[in-house]
Amino acid sequence: MDAAGPQRTAPKGTPPRAKPDARPMRLALGASGLAAMSALAAAIVLPPRPAAQDTSALQQPGASVGANPTAGQVQRPIVYVQLSPGQTAPPGATVIDPSAPTPLTVTVPAPTSAAQAPAAQKPVVIKTTASGKVIP
């Protein structure tokens, strides 16, 4: 032995040190990449949400909110679509049978009190479409 001290050397039969296993990190990076791609695809494919509609344009000129109780409600237009043979209606759609009778106009007598004469009654007319929607 010399004065510098003993030198340590690895014996010739020992394997080199093992490196850390990269598979768990690769799995985590792959899963996060898949989640990011899924979020991007969902953002691209989703239909846009409808904007809030302004109901002030739907009110009749000169009508106040107190005089017209339905002024705050938005009337959606009714769209009738004729299905081709083999087509089915979407879920929630009202299906009208083509052999159904035509819409009816029903006249209902207005309620009266005992003090009013029967001749003073005014009939109330209710018009409906074939789907049963009341026409204003």
Protein backbone atom coordinates (compact mmCIF):
# COMPACT_ATOMS: atom_id res chain seq x y z
CA MET A 1 0.00 0.00 0.00
CA ASP A 2 1.27 3.41 -0.79
CA ALA A 3 0.85 6.70 1.04
CA ALA A 4 -2.06 7.97 -1.03
CA GLY A 5 -4.31 5.27 0.37
CA PRO A 6 -6.01 2.30 -1.08
CA GLN A 7 -7.82 2.87 -4.37
CA ARG A 8 -11.18 1.31 -4.77
CA THR A 9 -11.96 -0.28 -8.03
CA ALA A 10 -14.96 -2.33 -8.95
CA PRO A 11 -14.27 -5.96 -9.46
CA LYS A 12 -14.39 -7.07 -13.04
CA GLY A 13 -17.47 -9.30 -12.55
CA THR A 14 -19.98 -6.62 -11.31
CA PRO A 15 -22.55 -5.14 -13.75
CA PRO A 16 -22.76 -1.37 -14.31
CA ARG A 17 -25.29 0.63 -12.26
CA ALA A 18 -28.92 0.33 -13.40
CA LYS A 19 -30.61 3.40 -14.91
CA PRO A 20 -34.07 4.49 -13.65
CA ASP A 21 -37.01 2.88 -15.45
CA ALA A 22 -38.59 5.36 -17.94
CA ARG A 23 -41.83 3.39 -18.52
CA PRO A 24 -43.96 5.00 -15.74
CA MET A 25 -43.11 8.52 -16.93
CA ARG A 26 -43.83 7.57 -20.53
CA LEU A 27 -47.20 6.16 -19.45
CA ALA A 28 -48.05 9.39 -17.55
CA LEU A 29 -47.05 11.60 -20.49
CA GLY A 30 -49.06 9.45 -22.90
CA ALA A 31 -52.18 9.57 -20.69
CA SER A 32 -51.95 13.35 -20.28
CA GLY A 33 -51.50 13.77 -24.04
CA LEU A 34 -54.59 11.64 -24.66
CA ALA A 35 -56.62 13.73 -22.20
CA ALA A 36 -55.48 16.95 -23.87
CA MET A 37 -56.41 15.66 -27.34
CA SER A 38 -59.82 14.54 -26.06
CA ALA A 39 -60.52 17.98 -24.58
CA LEU A 40 -59.52 19.72 -27.81
CA ALA A 41 -61.64 17.38 -29.93
CA ALA A 42 -64.66 17.92 -27.66
CA ALA A 43 -64.25 21.70 -27.86
CA ILE A 44 -64.13 21.57 -31.65
CA VAL A 45 -67.06 19.16 -32.11
CA LEU A 46 -69.55 20.71 -29.62
CA PRO A 47 -72.21 22.88 -31.26
CA PRO A 48 -72.23 26.55 -30.23
CA ARG A 49 -74.68 27.61 -27.54
CA PRO A 50 -77.45 29.96 -28.66
CA ALA A 51 -77.09 33.55 -27.55
CA ALA A 52 -79.63 35.01 -25.13
CA GLN A 53 -82.51 36.52 -27.06
CA ASP A 54 -83.71 40.06 -26.42
CA THR A 55 -87.45 39.98 -25.70
CA SER A 56 -87.92 43.76 -25.92
CA ALA A 57 -88.14 43.59 -29.71
CA LEU A 58 -90.96 41.05 -29.48
CA GLN A 59 -93.27 43.31 -27.50
CA GLN A 60 -95.98 45.16 -29.31
CA PRO A 61 -95.48 48.92 -29.56
CA GLY A 62 -97.30 50.75 -26.80
CA ALA A 63 -97.85 47.64 -24.68
CA SER A 64 -96.51 47.58 -21.16
CA VAL A 65 -95.31 44.47 -19.35
CA GLY A 66 -98.24 44.66 -16.91
CA ALA A 67 -100.81 44.79 -19.71
CA ASN A 68 -99.30 41.86 -21.62
CA PRO A 69 -98.44 38.94 -19.28
CA THR A 70 -96.74 36.96 -22.05
CA ALA A 71 -94.41 39.82 -23.04
CA GLY A 72 -91.50 38.24 -21.15
CA GLN A 73 -91.92 34.91 -22.91
CA VAL A 74 -90.32 34.18 -26.26
CA GLN A 75 -92.56 32.54 -28.85
CA ARG A 76 -90.65 30.03 -30.94
CA PRO A 77 -91.88 29.56 -34.49
CA ILE A 78 -93.40 26.19 -35.30
CA VAL A 79 -91.56 24.44 -38.11
CA TYR A 80 -93.40 21.63 -39.86
CA VAL A 81 -91.26 19.03 -41.60
CA GLN A 82 -92.59 16.20 -43.72
CA LEU A 83 -90.57 13.01 -43.21
CA SER A 84 -89.62 10.83 -46.13
CA PRO A 85 -90.46 7.12 -46.02
CA GLY A 86 -88.11 5.36 -43.61
CA GLN A 87 -87.20 8.51 -41.67
CA THR A 88 -88.00 8.81 -37.97
CA ALA A 89 -88.70 11.95 -35.97
CA PRO A 90 -86.05 13.16 -33.52
CA PRO A 91 -86.63 12.46 -29.82
CA GLY A 92 -89.06 14.88 -28.22
CA ALA A 93 -90.65 15.94 -31.52
CA THR A 94 -94.43 16.04 -31.83
CA VAL A 95 -95.55 13.79 -34.66
CA ILE A 96 -98.79 14.65 -36.45
CA ASP A 97 -100.48 11.82 -38.28
CA PRO A 98 -101.29 12.88 -41.87
CA SER A 99 -104.67 11.13 -41.62
CA ALA A 100 -105.56 13.19 -38.51
CA PRO A 101 -108.59 15.46 -38.72
CA THR A 102 -108.15 19.13 -39.55
CA PRO A 103 -107.75 21.66 -36.72
CA LEU A 104 -110.92 22.69 -34.93
CA THR A 105 -112.19 26.05 -33.76
CA VAL A 106 -113.92 25.63 -30.40
CA THR A 107 -116.25 28.26 -28.99
CA VAL A 108 -116.52 28.23 -25.20
CA PRO A 109 -119.07 30.46 -23.50
CA ALA A 110 -117.58 33.03 -21.12
CA PRO A 111 -118.35 32.51 -17.43
CA THR A 112 -121.16 34.69 -16.12
CA SER A 113 -122.33 35.73 -12.71
CA ALA A 114 -125.93 35.55 -11.48
CA ALA A 115 -126.38 39.33 -11.92
CA GLN A 116 -125.61 39.31 -15.67
CA ALA A 117 -128.24 38.44 -18.20
CA PRO A 118 -127.60 35.43 -20.47
CA ALA A 119 -127.75 37.71 -23.55
CA ALA A 120 -124.64 39.61 -22.32
CA GLN A 121 -122.37 36.58 -22.73
CA LYS A 122 -119.49 36.89 -25.15
CA PRO A 123 -118.16 33.70 -26.71
CA VAL A 124 -114.47 32.92 -26.30
CA VAL A 125 -112.92 31.50 -29.47
CA ILE A 126 -109.92 29.21 -29.11
CA LYS A 127 -108.09 28.28 -32.31
CA THR A 128 -105.57 25.42 -32.36
CA THR A 129 -103.20 23.88 -34.88
CA ALA A 130 -103.16 20.20 -35.79
CA SER A 131 -100.52 19.62 -33.11
CA GLY A 132 -102.78 21.12 -30.44
CA LYS A 133 -100.87 24.40 -30.05
CA VAL A 134 -103.17 27.33 -29.27
CA ILE A 135 -103.06 30.06 -31.89
CA PRO A 136 -103.12 33.53 -30.26
